[in-house]
PDB file of N, CA and C in Angstrom:
ATOM      1  N   MET A   1      -8.047  -6.251 -26.105  1.00  0.00           N
ATOM      2  CA  MET A   1      -7.614  -6.176 -26.691  1.00  0.00           C
ATOM      3  C   MET A   1      -7.132  -5.052 -25.836  1.00  0.00           C
ATOM      4  N   PRO A   2      -5.764  -5.324 -25.938  1.00  0.00           N
ATOM      5  CA  PRO A   2      -4.847  -3.872 -25.027  1.00  0.00           C
ATOM      6  C   PRO A   2      -4.558  -2.429 -25.907  1.00  0.00           C
ATOM      7  N   ASN A   3      -5.067  -1.091 -24.590  1.00  0.00           N
ATOM      8  CA  ASN A   3      -5.238  -0.090 -25.291  1.00  0.00           C
ATOM      9  C   ASN A   3      -4.471   0.650 -23.986  1.00  0.00           C
ATOM     10  N   ALA A   4      -4.046   1.353 -24.268  1.00  0.00           N
ATOM     11  CA  ALA A   4      -3.905   2.992 -23.232  1.00  0.00           C
ATOM     12  C   ALA A   4      -6.108   3.159 -22.432  1.00  0.00           C
ATOM     13  N   LYS A   5      -6.636   3.436 -22.794  1.00  0.00           N
ATOM     14  CA  LYS A   5      -7.565   3.040 -21.906  1.00  0.00           C
ATOM     15  C   LYS A   5      -8.223   1.737 -20.750  1.00  0.00           C
ATOM     16  N   ASN A   6      -8.196   1.168 -21.330  1.00  0.00           N
ATOM     17  CA  ASN A   6      -7.113  -0.245 -20.363  1.00  0.00           C
ATOM     18  C   ASN A   6      -6.260  -0.405 -19.688  1.00  0.00           C
ATOM     19  N   ASP A   7      -4.685   0.108 -19.933  1.00  0.00           N
ATOM     20  CA  ASP A   7      -3.948   0.447 -18.889  1.00  0.00           C
ATOM     21  C   ASP A   7      -3.648   1.096 -18.082  1.00  0.00           C
ATOM     22  N   LYS A   8      -4.637   1.885 -18.603  1.00  0.00           N
ATOM     23  CA  LYS A   8      -5.229   3.493 -17.647  1.00  0.00           C
ATOM     24  C   LYS A   8      -6.130   2.232 -15.753  1.00  0.00           C
ATOM     25  N   MET A   9      -7.221   2.030 -16.057  1.00  0.00           N
ATOM     26  CA  MET A   9      -7.115   2.322 -15.358  1.00  0.00           C
ATOM     27  C   MET A   9      -7.051   0.143 -14.379  1.00  0.00           C
ATOM     28  N   LEU A  10      -6.357  -0.471 -14.979  1.00  0.00           N
ATOM     29  CA  LEU A  10      -5.639  -1.435 -14.775  1.00  0.00           C
ATOM     30  C   LEU A  10      -4.618  -1.109 -13.779  1.00  0.00           C
ATOM     31  N   ARG A  11      -4.096  -0.177 -14.504  1.00  0.00           N
ATOM     32  CA  ARG A  11      -3.144   1.154 -13.094  1.00  0.00           C
ATOM     33  C   ARG A  11      -3.100   1.562 -11.783  1.00  0.00           C
ATOM     34  N   ASP A  12      -4.985   2.462 -12.302  1.00  0.00           N
ATOM     35  CA  ASP A  12      -5.056   2.804 -11.243  1.00  0.00           C
ATOM     36  C   ASP A  12      -5.187   1.538  -9.847  1.00  0.00           C
ATOM     37  N   ILE A  13      -6.582   0.428 -10.720  1.00  0.00           N
ATOM     38  CA  ILE A  13      -7.179  -0.304  -9.636  1.00  0.00           C
ATOM     39  C   ILE A  13      -5.613  -0.936  -8.733  1.00  0.00           C
ATOM     40  N   PHE A  14      -4.585  -1.705  -9.537  1.00  0.00           N
ATOM     41  CA  PHE A  14      -3.200  -1.794  -9.284  1.00  0.00           C
ATOM     42  C   PHE A  14      -2.587  -1.189  -8.236  1.00  0.00           C
ATOM     43  N   LEU A  15      -2.455   0.553  -8.799  1.00  0.00           N
ATOM     44  CA  LEU A  15      -2.847   1.273  -7.203  1.00  0.00           C
ATOM     45  C   LEU A  15      -2.822   1.122  -6.368  1.00  0.00           C
ATOM     46  N   ALA A  16      -4.684   1.194  -6.269  1.00  0.00           N
ATOM     47  CA  ALA A  16      -5.983   0.864  -5.051  1.00  0.00           C
ATOM     48  C   ALA A  16      -5.026  -0.355  -4.379  1.00  0.00           C
ATOM     49  N   PHE A  17      -4.631  -1.656  -5.024  1.00  0.00           N
ATOM     50  CA  PHE A  17      -4.962  -2.260  -4.162  1.00  0.00           C
ATOM     51  C   PHE A  17      -3.269  -2.628  -3.334  1.00  0.00           C
ATOM     52  N   VAL A  18      -1.553  -1.821  -3.809  1.00  0.00           N
ATOM     53  CA  VAL A  18      -1.000  -1.109  -3.136  1.00  0.00           C
ATOM     54  C   VAL A  18      -1.315  -0.348  -2.193  1.00  0.00           C
ATOM     55  N   ARG A  19      -2.379   0.642  -1.819  1.00  0.00           N
ATOM     56  CA  ARG A  19      -2.600   0.938  -0.922  1.00  0.00           C
ATOM     57  C   ARG A  19      -3.130   0.071   0.160  1.00  0.00           C
ATOM     58  N   VAL A  20      -4.039  -0.350  -0.474  1.00  0.00           N
ATOM     59  CA  VAL A  20      -4.999  -1.401   0.736  1.00  0.00           C
ATOM     60  C   VAL A  20      -3.598  -2.119   1.461  1.00  0.00           C
ATOM     61  N   HIS A  21      -3.080  -3.270   0.647  1.00  0.00           N
ATOM     62  CA  HIS A  21      -1.551  -4.122   0.888  1.00  0.00           C
ATOM     63  C   HIS A  21      -0.927  -3.118   1.969  1.00  0.00           C
ATOM     64  N   LEU A  22      -0.436  -1.316   1.746  1.00  0.00           N
ATOM     65  CA  LEU A  22       1.043  -1.008   2.788  1.00  0.00           C
ATOM     66  C   LEU A  22      -0.526  -1.820   3.632  1.00  0.00           C
ATOM     67  N   LEU A  23      -1.157  -0.110   3.820  1.00  0.00           N
ATOM     68  CA  LEU A  23      -2.097  -0.269   5.757  1.00  0.00           C
ATOM     69  C   LEU A  23      -2.187  -1.332   6.066  1.00  0.00           C
ATOM     70  N   HIS A  24      -2.418  -2.435   5.164  1.00  0.00           N
ATOM     71  CA  HIS A  24      -2.338  -4.148   5.813  1.00  0.00           C
ATOM     72  C   HIS A  24      -1.114  -4.515   6.473  1.00  0.00           C
ATOM     73  N   HIS A  25      -0.570  -4.414   5.810  1.00  0.00           N
ATOM     74  CA  HIS A  25       0.657  -3.877   6.605  1.00  0.00           C
ATOM     75  C   HIS A  25       1.718  -3.289   7.787  1.00  0.00           C
ATOM     76  N   ALA A  26       0.929  -2.273   7.829  1.00  0.00           N
ATOM     77  CA  ALA A  26       2.019  -1.224   8.310  1.00  0.00           C
ATOM     78  C   ALA A  26       0.486  -1.677  10.031  1.00  0.00           C
ATOM     79  N   ALA A  27      -0.722  -2.246   9.181  1.00  0.00           N
ATOM     80  CA  ALA A  27      -1.237  -2.276  10.399  1.00  0.00           C
ATOM     81  C   ALA A  27      -0.283  -3.194  11.278  1.00  0.00           C
ATOM     82  N   ALA A  28       0.087  -4.082  10.374  1.00  0.00           N
ATOM     83  CA  ALA A  28       1.186  -5.521  11.403  1.00  0.00           C
ATOM     84  C   ALA A  28       1.744  -4.935  12.365  1.00  0.00           C
ATOM     85  N   GLU A  29       2.685  -4.731  11.121  1.00  0.00           N
ATOM     86  CA  GLU A  29       4.555  -4.112  12.245  1.00  0.00           C
ATOM     87  C   GLU A  29       4.968  -2.832  10.601  1.00  0.00           C
ATOM     88  N   ARG A  30       5.680  -1.853  11.684  1.00  0.00           N
ATOM     89  CA  ARG A  30       6.706  -0.850  11.242  1.00  0.00           C
ATOM     90  C   ARG A  30       6.936  -1.204   9.575  1.00  0.00           C
ATOM     91  N   PHE A  31       7.409  -0.831   9.395  1.00  0.00           N
ATOM     92  CA  PHE A  31       8.530  -1.805   7.710  1.00  0.00           C
ATOM     93  C   PHE A  31       9.017  -0.034   6.754  1.00  0.00           C
ATOM     94  N   TYR A  32       9.265  -0.858   6.148  1.00  0.00           N
ATOM     95  CA  TYR A  32      10.666   0.351   5.139  1.00  0.00           C
ATOM     96  C   TYR A  32      10.258   0.053   3.920  1.00  0.00           C
ATOM     97  N   GLY A  33      10.811   1.692   2.670  1.00  0.00           N
ATOM     98  CA  GLY A  33      10.284   1.373   1.487  1.00  0.00           C
ATOM     99  C   GLY A  33      11.123  -0.612   0.714  1.00  0.00           C
ATOM    100  N   VAL A  34      12.027  -0.949   0.956  1.00  0.00           N
ATOM    101  CA  VAL A  34      12.686  -2.112   0.423  1.00  0.00           C
ATOM    102  C   VAL A  34      11.724  -2.758   0.898  1.00  0.00           C
ATOM    103  N   GLN A  35      11.962  -3.147   1.868  1.00  0.00           N
ATOM    104  CA  GLN A  35      11.496  -4.308   2.429  1.00  0.00           C
ATOM    105  C   GLN A  35       9.971  -4.639   1.692  1.00  0.00           C
ATOM    106  N   MET A  36       9.485  -3.775   2.159  1.00  0.00           N
ATOM    107  CA  MET A  36       7.489  -3.171   1.263  1.00  0.00           C
ATOM    108  C   MET A  36       7.689  -3.842  -0.380  1.00  0.00           C
ATOM    109  N   ILE A  37       9.009  -3.217  -1.133  1.00  0.00           N
ATOM    110  CA  ILE A  37       8.815  -3.413  -2.432  1.00  0.00           C
ATOM    111  C   ILE A  37       9.313  -5.448  -2.653  1.00  0.00           C
ATOM    112  N   ASP A  38       9.839  -5.765  -1.923  1.00  0.00           N
ATOM    113  CA  ASP A  38      10.870  -6.980  -0.973  1.00  0.00           C
ATOM    114  C   ASP A  38       9.219  -7.745  -1.514  1.00  0.00           C
ATOM    115  N   GLU A  39       8.647  -7.571  -0.912  1.00  0.00           N
ATOM    116  CA  GLU A  39       7.405  -7.802  -0.143  1.00  0.00           C
ATOM    117  C   GLU A  39       6.647  -8.220  -1.112  1.00  0.00           C
ATOM    118  N   LEU A  40       5.696  -6.689  -2.226  1.00  0.00           N
ATOM    119  CA  LEU A  40       4.906  -6.528  -2.253  1.00  0.00           C
ATOM    120  C   LEU A  40       5.023  -7.742  -3.929  1.00  0.00           C
ATOM    121  N   ARG A  41       5.997  -7.979  -3.889  1.00  0.00           N
ATOM    122  CA  ARG A  41       7.076  -8.804  -5.648  1.00  0.00           C
ATOM    123  C   ARG A  41       6.370  -9.627  -4.752  1.00  0.00           C
ATOM    124  N   GLU A  42       7.385 -10.673  -4.078  1.00  0.00           N
ATOM    125  CA  GLU A  42       6.049 -11.565  -3.515  1.00  0.00           C
ATOM    126  C   GLU A  42       3.924 -12.133  -3.819  1.00  0.00           C
ATOM    127  N   HIS A  43       3.998 -10.434  -3.699  1.00  0.00           N
ATOM    128  CA  HIS A  43       2.457 -11.159  -4.701  1.00  0.00           C
ATOM    129  C   HIS A  43       2.119 -10.296  -5.962  1.00  0.00           C
ATOM    130  N   GLY A  44       3.268 -10.505  -6.741  1.00  0.00           N
ATOM    131  CA  GLY A  44       3.636  -9.800  -8.424  1.00  0.00           C
ATOM    132  C   GLY A  44       3.665  -8.888  -8.384  1.00  0.00           C
ATOM    133  N   TYR A  45       3.449  -7.632  -7.695  1.00  0.00           N
ATOM    134  CA  TYR A  45       3.473  -6.788  -8.051  1.00  0.00           C
ATOM    135  C   TYR A  45       4.908  -6.453  -7.735  1.00  0.00           C
ATOM    136  N   ASP A  46       6.025  -5.701  -9.047  1.00  0.00           N
ATOM    137  CA  ASP A  46       6.166  -5.675  -9.443  1.00  0.00           C
ATOM    138  C   ASP A  46       6.556  -3.974  -9.706  1.00  0.00           C
ATOM    139  N   MET A  47       7.422  -3.433  -8.588  1.00  0.00           N
ATOM    140  CA  MET A  47       7.201  -1.518  -8.800  1.00  0.00           C
ATOM    141  C   MET A  47       8.635  -1.248  -8.078  1.00  0.00           C
ATOM    142  N   GLY A  48       8.752  -0.578  -8.062  1.00  0.00           N
ATOM    143  CA  GLY A  48      10.735   0.596  -8.635  1.00  0.00           C
ATOM    144  C   GLY A  48       9.943   1.240  -7.019  1.00  0.00           C
ATOM    145  N   PRO A  49      11.104   1.513  -6.355  1.00  0.00           N
ATOM    146  CA  PRO A  49      11.260   2.899  -5.774  1.00  0.00           C
ATOM    147  C   PRO A  49      10.392   4.137  -6.127  1.00  0.00           C
ATOM    148  N   GLY A  50      10.876   4.291  -7.612  1.00  0.00           N
ATOM    149  CA  GLY A  50       9.556   5.739  -7.899  1.00  0.00           C
ATOM    150  C   GLY A  50       8.279   5.729  -8.542  1.00  0.00           C
ATOM    151  N   THR A  51       7.280   4.469  -7.784  1.00  0.00           N
ATOM    152  CA  THR A  51       6.150   4.628  -7.882  1.00  0.00           C
ATOM    153  C   THR A  51       5.438   3.816  -6.169  1.00  0.00           C
ATOM    154  N   LEU A  52       6.953   3.287  -5.692  1.00  0.00           N
ATOM    155  CA  LEU A  52       6.480   2.750  -4.400  1.00  0.00           C
ATOM    156  C   LEU A  52       6.766   3.789  -3.355  1.00  0.00           C
ATOM    157  N   TYR A  53       7.269   4.949  -3.081  1.00  0.00           N
ATOM    158  CA  TYR A  53       7.726   6.662  -2.430  1.00  0.00           C
ATOM    159  C   TYR A  53       6.792   6.871  -2.195  1.00  0.00           C
ATOM    160  N   PRO A  54       5.462   7.968  -3.668  1.00  0.00           N
ATOM    161  CA  PRO A  54       5.208   8.940  -3.582  1.00  0.00           C
ATOM    162  C   PRO A  54       3.616   7.973  -3.379  1.00  0.00           C
ATOM    163  N   ILE A  55       4.097   6.931  -3.294  1.00  0.00           N
ATOM    164  CA  ILE A  55       2.522   6.423  -2.860  1.00  0.00           C
ATOM    165  C   ILE A  55       2.374   6.001  -1.047  1.00  0.00           C
ATOM    166  N   LEU A  56       3.671   6.184  -0.962  1.00  0.00           N
ATOM    167  CA  LEU A  56       4.401   5.752   0.393  1.00  0.00           C
ATOM    168  C   LEU A  56       3.607   6.638   0.552  1.00  0.00           C
ATOM    169  N   HIS A  57       4.190   8.466   0.551  1.00  0.00           N
ATOM    170  CA  HIS A  57       4.597   9.559   1.451  1.00  0.00           C
ATOM    171  C   HIS A  57       2.400  10.539   0.627  1.00  0.00           C
ATOM    172  N   GLY A  58       2.094  10.258   0.363  1.00  0.00           N
ATOM    173  CA  GLY A  58       0.540   9.970   0.159  1.00  0.00           C
ATOM    174  C   GLY A  58       0.049   9.722   1.010  1.00  0.00           C
ATOM    175  N   LEU A  59       0.122   8.239   0.963  1.00  0.00           N
ATOM    176  CA  LEU A  59       0.156   8.009   2.668  1.00  0.00           C
ATOM    177  C   LEU A  59      -0.195   8.571   3.815  1.00  0.00           C
ATOM    178  N   GLU A  60       0.998   9.020   4.240  1.00  0.00           N
ATOM    179  CA  GLU A  60       1.708   9.818   4.934  1.00  0.00           C
ATOM    180  C   GLU A  60       0.444  10.864   5.402  1.00  0.00           C
ATOM    181  N   GLU A  61       1.333  12.581   3.947  1.00  0.00           N
ATOM    182  CA  GLU A  61       0.334  12.897   3.545  1.00  0.00           C
ATOM    183  C   GLU A  61      -1.339  13.182   4.279  1.00  0.00           C
ATOM    184  N   SER A  62      -1.177  12.264   4.237  1.00  0.00           N
ATOM    185  CA  SER A  62      -3.316  11.723   4.023  1.00  0.00           C
ATOM    186  C   SER A  62      -3.307  11.748   4.966  1.00  0.00           C
ATOM    187  N   GLY A  63      -2.844  11.708   6.455  1.00  0.00           N
ATOM    188  CA  GLY A  63      -2.599  10.655   7.792  1.00  0.00           C
ATOM    189  C   GLY A  63      -2.701  10.076   8.143  1.00  0.00           C
ATOM    190  N   TYR A  64      -2.154   8.801   7.027  1.00  0.00           N
ATOM    191  CA  TYR A  64      -2.879   7.270   7.091  1.00  0.00           C
ATOM    192  C   TYR A  64      -1.759   6.256   7.014  1.00  0.00           C
ATOM    193  N   LEU A  65      -0.572   6.808   7.314  1.00  0.00           N
ATOM    194  CA  LEU A  65       0.441   6.684   7.724  1.00  0.00           C
ATOM    195  C   LEU A  65       1.633   7.525   8.422  1.00  0.00           C
ATOM    196  N   LYS A  66       2.606   7.462   9.643  1.00  0.00           N
ATOM    197  CA  LYS A  66       3.768   8.471  10.116  1.00  0.00           C
ATOM    198  C   LYS A  66       4.946   7.503   9.410  1.00  0.00           C
ATOM    199  N   SER A  67       5.712   8.195   9.508  1.00  0.00           N
ATOM    200  CA  SER A  67       7.236   7.929   9.257  1.00  0.00           C
ATOM    201  C   SER A  67       7.854   8.075  10.159  1.00  0.00           C
ATOM    202  N   GLU A  68       8.826   7.514  10.748  1.00  0.00           N
ATOM    203  CA  GLU A  68       9.801   7.493  11.764  1.00  0.00           C
ATOM    204  C   GLU A  68      11.125   7.187  11.443  1.00  0.00           C
ATOM    205  N   GLN A  69      11.853   7.754  11.605  1.00  0.00           N
ATOM    206  CA  GLN A  69      14.069   7.328  10.864  1.00  0.00           C
ATOM    207  C   GLN A  69      14.617   6.784  11.706  1.00  0.00           C
ATOM    208  N   GLU A  70      15.392   5.808  11.776  1.00  0.00           N
ATOM    209  CA  GLU A  70      16.009   5.527  11.874  1.00  0.00           C
ATOM    210  C   GLU A  70      17.562   5.061  11.668  1.00  0.00           C
ATOM    211  N   LEU A  71      18.177   5.851  12.874  1.00  0.00           N
ATOM    212  CA  LEU A  71      20.142   4.779  11.919  1.00  0.00           C
ATOM    213  C   LEU A  71      20.151   2.912  11.764  1.00  0.00           C
ATOM    214  N   VAL A  72      20.272   2.761  10.801  1.00  0.00           N
ATOM    215  CA  VAL A  72      20.703   1.090  10.862  1.00  0.00           C
ATOM    216  C   VAL A  72      22.164   0.528   9.452  1.00  0.00           C
ATOM    217  N   GLU A  73      23.278   0.703  10.136  1.00  0.00           N
ATOM    218  CA  GLU A  73      24.023   0.301  10.028  1.00  0.00           C
ATOM    219  C   GLU A  73      24.881   1.358   9.093  1.00  0.00           C
ATOM    220  N   GLY A  74      24.807   2.514  10.144  1.00  0.00           N
ATOM    221  CA  GLY A  74      25.392   4.026   9.443  1.00  0.00           C
ATOM    222  C   GLY A  74      24.348   4.663   8.472  1.00  0.00           C
ATOM    223  N   LYS A  75      23.524   4.465   7.932  1.00  0.00           N
ATOM    224  CA  LYS A  75      22.087   4.399   7.219  1.00  0.00           C
ATOM    225  C   LYS A  75      21.350   5.361   7.629  1.00  0.00           C
ATOM    226  N   LEU A  76      20.373   6.195   7.598  1.00  0.00           N
ATOM    227  CA  LEU A  76      19.498   6.840   8.276  1.00  0.00           C
ATOM    228  C   LEU A  76      18.225   5.445   7.333  1.00  0.00           C
ATOM    229  N   ARG A  77      17.385   4.260   7.801  1.00  0.00           N
ATOM    230  CA  ARG A  77      16.327   4.356   6.869  1.00  0.00           C
ATOM    231  C   ARG A  77      14.899   4.251   7.629  1.00  0.00           C
ATOM    232  N   LYS A  78      13.471   5.346   6.751  1.00  0.00           N
ATOM    233  CA  LYS A  78      12.644   5.019   6.900  1.00  0.00           C
ATOM    234  C   LYS A  78      11.280   4.467   7.311  1.00  0.00           C
ATOM    235  N   TYR A  79      10.788   3.810   8.200  1.00  0.00           N
ATOM    236  CA  TYR A  79       9.939   2.916   9.043  1.00  0.00           C
ATOM    237  C   TYR A  79       8.470   3.292   9.048  1.00  0.00           C
ATOM    238  N   TYR A  80       7.926   2.360   8.580  1.00  0.00           N
ATOM    239  CA  TYR A  80       6.040   2.910   8.532  1.00  0.00           C
ATOM    240  C   TYR A  80       5.574   2.764   9.049  1.00  0.00           C
ATOM    241  N   ARG A  81       4.437   3.092  10.146  1.00  0.00           N
ATOM    242  CA  ARG A  81       3.705   2.810  11.122  1.00  0.00           C
ATOM    243  C   ARG A  81       2.499   3.373  10.557  1.00  0.00           C
ATOM    244  N   ILE A  82       1.270   2.385  11.093  1.00  0.00           N
ATOM    245  CA  ILE A  82      -1.005   3.335  10.664  1.00  0.00           C
ATOM    246  C   ILE A  82      -0.375   4.131  11.428  1.00  0.00           C
ATOM    247  N   THR A  83      -1.498   5.028  11.343  1.00  0.00           N
ATOM    248  CA  THR A  83      -2.226   5.843  12.424  1.00  0.00           C
ATOM    249  C   THR A  83      -3.617   5.445  12.947  1.00  0.00           C
ATOM    250  N   GLN A  84      -4.287   6.102  13.940  1.00  0.00           N
ATOM    251  CA  GLN A  84      -5.995   6.012  13.855  1.00  0.00           C
ATOM    252  C   GLN A  84      -6.077   6.135  12.840  1.00  0.00           C
ATOM    253  N   SER A  85      -6.464   6.541  11.622  1.00  0.00           N
ATOM    254  CA  SER A  85      -6.523   7.878  11.103  1.00  0.00           C
ATOM    255  C   SER A  85      -7.209   6.104   9.767  1.00  0.00           C
ATOM    256  N   GLY A  86      -5.314   5.475   9.781  1.00  0.00           N
ATOM    257  CA  GLY A  86      -4.874   4.483   8.792  1.00  0.00           C
ATOM    258  C   GLY A  86      -5.425   3.631   9.373  1.00  0.00           C
ATOM    259  N   GLN A  87      -6.146   2.622  10.829  1.00  0.00           N
ATOM    260  CA  GLN A  87      -6.989   2.170  11.262  1.00  0.00           C
ATOM    261  C   GLN A  87      -8.111   2.012  10.728  1.00  0.00           C
ATOM    262  N   LYS A  88      -9.105   2.715  11.201  1.00  0.00           N
ATOM    263  CA  LYS A  88     -10.271   3.089  10.529  1.00  0.00           C
ATOM    264  C   LYS A  88     -10.498   3.509   8.814  1.00  0.00           C
ATOM    265  N   MET A  89      -9.933   3.623   8.449  1.00  0.00           N
ATOM    266  CA  MET A  89      -9.731   4.186   7.161  1.00  0.00           C
ATOM    267  C   MET A  89      -9.849   1.879   6.494  1.00  0.00           C
ATOM    268  N   LEU A  90      -8.671   1.587   7.470  1.00  0.00           N
ATOM    269  CA  LEU A  90      -8.611   0.144   6.649  1.00  0.00           C
ATOM    270  C   LEU A  90      -9.804  -0.578   6.976  1.00  0.00           C
ATOM    271  N   ALA A  91      -9.828  -0.365   7.752  1.00  0.00           N
ATOM    272  CA  ALA A  91     -11.151  -1.103   8.437  1.00  0.00           C
ATOM    273  C   ALA A  91     -12.695  -1.002   7.528  1.00  0.00           C
ATOM    274  N   GLN A  92     -13.216   0.020   6.921  1.00  0.00           N
ATOM    275  CA  GLN A  92     -13.937   0.633   6.078  1.00  0.00           C
ATOM    276  C   GLN A  92     -13.458   0.084   4.335  1.00  0.00           C
ATOM    277  N   LEU A  93     -13.105  -0.367   3.860  1.00  0.00           N
ATOM    278  CA  LEU A  93     -12.124  -0.475   3.281  1.00  0.00           C
ATOM    279  C   LEU A  93     -12.151  -2.264   3.259  1.00  0.00           C
ATOM    280  N   LYS A  94     -11.441  -3.161   4.223  1.00  0.00           N
ATOM    281  CA  LYS A  94     -12.035  -4.532   4.481  1.00  0.00           C
ATOM    282  C   LYS A  94     -14.052  -5.123   4.432  1.00  0.00           C
ATOM    283  N   LEU A  95     -14.309  -4.237   5.148  1.00  0.00           N
ATOM    284  CA  LEU A  95     -15.803  -3.728   4.052  1.00  0.00           C
ATOM    285  C   LEU A  95     -16.633  -4.440   3.021  1.00  0.00           C
ATOM    286  N   LYS A  96     -15.762  -3.512   2.399  1.00  0.00           N
ATOM    287  CA  LYS A  96     -16.140  -3.315   0.906  1.00  0.00           C
ATOM    288  C   LYS A  96     -15.063  -3.912   0.469  1.00  0.00           C
ATOM    289  N   ILE A  97     -13.942  -4.555   0.204  1.00  0.00           N
ATOM    290  CA  ILE A  97     -13.547  -5.896   0.194  1.00  0.00           C
ATOM    291  C   ILE A  97     -14.522  -6.648  -0.321  1.00  0.00           C
ATOM    292  N   ARG A  98     -14.430  -6.773   1.394  1.00  0.00           N
ATOM    293  CA  ARG A  98     -15.856  -8.479   0.982  1.00  0.00           C
ATOM    294  C   ARG A  98     -16.526  -8.436   1.171  1.00  0.00           C
ATOM    295  N   GLU A  99     -17.593  -6.715   0.858  1.00  0.00           N
ATOM    296  CA  GLU A  99     -18.653  -7.164   0.261  1.00  0.00           C
ATOM    297  C   GLU A  99     -18.260  -7.179  -1.695  1.00  0.00           C
ATOM    298  N   LEU A 100     -17.630  -6.541  -2.344  1.00  0.00           N
ATOM    299  CA  LEU A 100     -17.441  -6.550  -3.236  1.00  0.00           C
ATOM    300  C   LEU A 100     -16.436  -7.625  -4.289  1.00  0.00           C
ATOM    301  N   SER A 101     -16.292  -8.632  -3.485  1.00  0.00           N
ATOM    302  CA  SER A 101     -15.397 -10.074  -3.634  1.00  0.00           C
ATOM    303  C   SER A 101     -16.190 -10.869  -2.930  1.00  0.00           C
ATOM    304  N   ASP A 102     -17.275 -10.627  -2.403  1.00  0.00           N
ATOM    305  CA  ASP A 102     -18.423 -11.748  -2.207  1.00  0.00           C
ATOM    306  C   ASP A 102     -19.541 -11.598  -4.151  1.00  0.00           C
ATOM    307  N   GLU A 103     -20.120 -10.442  -4.279  1.00  0.00           N
ATOM    308  CA  GLU A 103     -20.617  -9.814  -5.104  1.00  0.00           C
ATOM    309  C   GLU A 103     -20.338 -10.540  -6.298  1.00  0.00           C
ATOM    310  N   VAL A 104     -19.046  -9.800  -7.032  1.00  0.00           N
ATOM    311  CA  VAL A 104     -18.110 -10.428  -7.588  1.00  0.00           C
ATOM    312  C   VAL A 104     -17.643 -11.516  -8.304  1.00  0.00           C
ATOM    313  N   MET A 105     -16.980 -12.501  -6.972  1.00  0.00           N
ATOM    314  CA  MET A 105     -17.258 -14.179  -7.262  1.00  0.00           C
ATOM    315  C   MET A 105     -18.765 -15.155  -7.040  1.00  0.00           C
ATOM    316  N   GLY A 106     -19.546 -14.225  -6.630  1.00  0.00           N
ATOM    317  CA  GLY A 106     -20.171 -14.798  -6.869  1.00  0.00           C
ATOM    318  C   GLY A 106     -20.656 -15.677  -5.261  1.00  0.00           C
ATOM    319  N   GLU A 107     -20.456 -15.235  -4.528  1.00  0.00           N
ATOM    320  CA  GLU A 107     -20.479 -16.183  -2.958  1.00  0.00           C
ATOM    321  C   GLU A 107     -21.331 -15.776  -1.794  1.00  0.00           C
TER     322      GLU A 107
END
């Protein structure tokens, strides 16, 4: 039965998954916001710039991502890359995700 309390919990978990997803992709290659919105959409995450960009800025402020601007077709585009701190955090998250997944999924 949907209610505000359940909705908040689902949103909090959803946003945590998005953060992990962003770190994962930033470890593989640099990306820009609209590119990541499209990528996340392919995985069932329906989010717009008003949700994604504050998350990216928060990850950057925390030292997990670093951005650089580049001129592309006459427009400035901000690309994000993972930092060393972000790599360490992603490694920790992977361990916790595997442990939780194995326990919850019963494997």
